[in-house]
N, C-alpha and C. Protein backbone atom coordinates (compact mmCIF):
# COMPACT_ATOMS: atom_id res chain seq x y z
N UNK A 1 44.59 37.03 -46.74
CA UNK A 1 45.34 36.45 -47.59
C UNK A 1 46.98 35.96 -46.68
N UNK A 2 47.23 36.97 -45.06
CA UNK A 2 47.72 36.47 -44.30
C UNK A 2 46.97 35.54 -43.75
N UNK A 3 46.81 34.41 -43.57
CA UNK A 3 46.64 32.70 -43.70
C UNK A 3 46.54 32.11 -44.64
N UNK A 4 46.79 32.32 -45.47
CA UNK A 4 46.51 31.85 -46.70
C UNK A 4 47.71 31.73 -47.61
N UNK A 5 49.27 31.87 -46.79
CA UNK A 5 50.49 32.05 -47.75
C UNK A 5 50.56 31.33 -46.53
N UNK A 6 50.37 30.57 -45.20
CA UNK A 6 50.76 29.09 -44.24
C UNK A 6 50.64 28.38 -45.20
N UNK A 7 49.43 28.34 -45.92
CA UNK A 7 48.49 27.34 -46.29
C UNK A 7 49.28 26.25 -47.38
N UNK A 8 49.21 27.64 -48.10
CA UNK A 8 49.58 27.54 -49.37
C UNK A 8 51.21 26.55 -49.55
N UNK A 9 51.75 27.27 -48.77
CA UNK A 9 53.24 26.76 -48.80
C UNK A 9 53.20 25.63 -47.68
N UNK A 10 51.97 25.18 -46.54
CA UNK A 10 52.24 23.30 -45.91
C UNK A 10 52.11 23.28 -47.37
N UNK A 11 51.24 23.51 -48.09
CA UNK A 11 50.32 22.07 -49.46
C UNK A 11 50.94 22.53 -49.60
N UNK A 12 52.27 23.06 -50.83
CA UNK A 12 52.99 22.71 -51.35
C UNK A 12 54.07 21.62 -50.63
N UNK A 13 54.33 22.05 -49.61
CA UNK A 13 55.42 21.32 -49.15
C UNK A 13 54.72 19.69 -48.92
N UNK A 14 53.98 19.56 -48.68
CA UNK A 14 53.31 17.93 -48.66
C UNK A 14 52.95 17.19 -49.77
N UNK A 15 52.77 18.17 -50.94
CA UNK A 15 52.67 18.03 -52.44
C UNK A 15 54.18 17.58 -52.76
N UNK A 16 55.42 18.37 -52.51
CA UNK A 16 56.65 17.79 -52.95
C UNK A 16 57.13 16.64 -52.00
N UNK A 17 56.76 16.71 -51.05
CA UNK A 17 57.27 14.88 -49.75
C UNK A 17 56.64 13.84 -50.43
N UNK A 18 55.38 13.92 -50.77
CA UNK A 18 54.37 13.11 -51.42
C UNK A 18 54.63 12.08 -52.67
N UNK A 19 55.59 13.25 -53.43
CA UNK A 19 56.09 13.72 -55.13
C UNK A 19 57.54 12.99 -54.45
N UNK A 20 58.13 13.33 -54.22
CA UNK A 20 59.47 12.94 -53.93
C UNK A 20 59.69 11.31 -53.32
N UNK A 21 58.53 10.69 -52.09
CA UNK A 21 58.03 9.81 -51.97
C UNK A 21 57.86 8.56 -52.98
N UNK A 22 56.90 9.43 -53.59
CA UNK A 22 56.92 8.35 -55.14
C UNK A 22 57.91 8.10 -56.47
N UNK A 23 58.58 8.71 -56.55
CA UNK A 23 59.75 9.24 -57.20
C UNK A 23 60.49 7.70 -56.76
N UNK A 24 60.78 7.83 -55.31
CA UNK A 24 61.67 6.97 -54.67
C UNK A 24 61.55 5.77 -54.45
N UNK A 25 59.80 5.18 -54.06
CA UNK A 25 59.67 3.81 -54.29
C UNK A 25 59.72 3.36 -56.30
N UNK A 26 59.48 4.44 -56.54
CA UNK A 26 59.49 3.98 -58.61
C UNK A 26 60.60 3.39 -58.69
N UNK A 27 62.17 4.23 -58.21
CA UNK A 27 63.32 4.14 -58.32
C UNK A 27 63.69 2.99 -57.40
N UNK A 28 63.53 2.34 -55.93
CA UNK A 28 64.03 1.30 -55.74
C UNK A 28 63.27 0.31 -55.73
N UNK A 29 62.05 0.47 -56.70
CA UNK A 29 61.94 -1.12 -57.06
C UNK A 29 62.16 -1.44 -58.94
N UNK A 30 62.26 -0.20 -59.44
CA UNK A 30 63.34 -0.43 -60.44
C UNK A 30 64.48 -0.62 -60.30
N UNK A 31 65.29 -0.59 -58.86
CA UNK A 31 66.20 -1.35 -58.97
C UNK A 31 66.41 -2.33 -58.12
N UNK A 32 65.29 -2.85 -58.13
CA UNK A 32 65.33 -3.74 -56.85
C UNK A 32 64.75 -4.97 -57.58
N UNK A 33 63.94 -5.08 -58.96
CA UNK A 33 63.67 -5.86 -60.39
C UNK A 33 64.51 -6.47 -61.02
N UNK A 34 65.59 -6.16 -61.27
CA UNK A 34 66.69 -7.44 -61.90
C UNK A 34 66.49 -7.68 -61.24
N UNK A 35 67.34 -8.26 -59.55
CA UNK A 35 67.90 -9.41 -58.85
C UNK A 35 66.18 -10.30 -59.20
N UNK A 36 64.92 -9.66 -58.77
CA UNK A 36 63.93 -10.45 -59.03
C UNK A 36 63.69 -11.22 -60.09
N UNK A 37 63.96 -10.89 -60.93
CA UNK A 37 64.17 -11.04 -62.33
C UNK A 37 65.26 -11.96 -62.75
N UNK A 38 65.76 -12.46 -61.89
CA UNK A 38 67.42 -13.20 -61.60
C UNK A 38 66.10 -14.79 -61.57
N UNK A 39 65.44 -15.38 -60.80
CA UNK A 39 65.15 -16.30 -60.52
C UNK A 39 63.83 -16.84 -61.76
N UNK A 40 63.87 -16.05 -62.60
CA UNK A 40 62.99 -16.52 -63.06
C UNK A 40 62.88 -17.52 -64.56
N UNK A 41 64.01 -17.88 -65.13
CA UNK A 41 65.02 -18.47 -66.43
C UNK A 41 64.98 -19.52 -65.86
N UNK A 42 65.58 -20.29 -64.35
CA UNK A 42 65.89 -21.67 -63.96
C UNK A 42 65.34 -22.70 -64.18
N UNK A 43 63.82 -21.76 -64.17
CA UNK A 43 62.81 -23.05 -64.69
C UNK A 43 62.74 -23.90 -65.82
N UNK A 44 62.97 -22.96 -67.02
CA UNK A 44 63.61 -23.11 -68.36
C UNK A 44 65.26 -23.15 -68.67
N UNK A 45 65.54 -22.93 -68.11
CA UNK A 45 66.81 -23.39 -68.33
C UNK A 45 67.50 -25.13 -67.66
N UNK A 46 67.62 -25.86 -68.90
CA UNK A 46 67.82 -27.33 -68.08
C UNK A 46 69.50 -27.79 -68.37
N UNK A 47 70.11 -28.60 -67.71
CA UNK A 47 71.31 -29.33 -67.24
C UNK A 47 71.23 -30.41 -68.85
N UNK A 48 72.18 -30.41 -69.59
CA UNK A 48 73.00 -31.06 -70.52
C UNK A 48 73.05 -32.41 -70.32
N UNK A 49 72.35 -33.28 -71.40
CA UNK A 49 72.20 -34.64 -70.92
C UNK A 49 73.26 -35.09 -69.86
N UNK A 50 73.34 -36.40 -69.06
CA UNK A 50 74.70 -36.57 -69.02
C UNK A 50 75.73 -38.20 -69.70
N UNK A 51 76.73 -38.03 -70.14
CA UNK A 51 76.79 -38.21 -71.06
C UNK A 51 76.61 -39.90 -70.96
N UNK A 52 76.36 -40.39 -71.61
CA UNK A 52 76.03 -42.35 -71.71
C UNK A 52 77.46 -42.56 -71.58
N UNK A 53 77.71 -43.62 -70.55
CA UNK A 53 79.46 -44.45 -70.23
C UNK A 53 79.28 -45.52 -70.36
C-alpha cells in the first residue's frame, strides 16, 4: 500500500498536467481562430466598379 500511494499521486499529477495542456491548446486555438478567419472573405468581397468618366 505504501508503494501504491506515490504511484497514484504521480498518475494523478500526469493526468491533470495532460488535461491542462489539452485545455490550454483548445483555448489558444479558439483565441487564434478569429484572426485566421479574417482573410477568408477577401476573395468574395469586391471593390465597387470605377465610375465611367
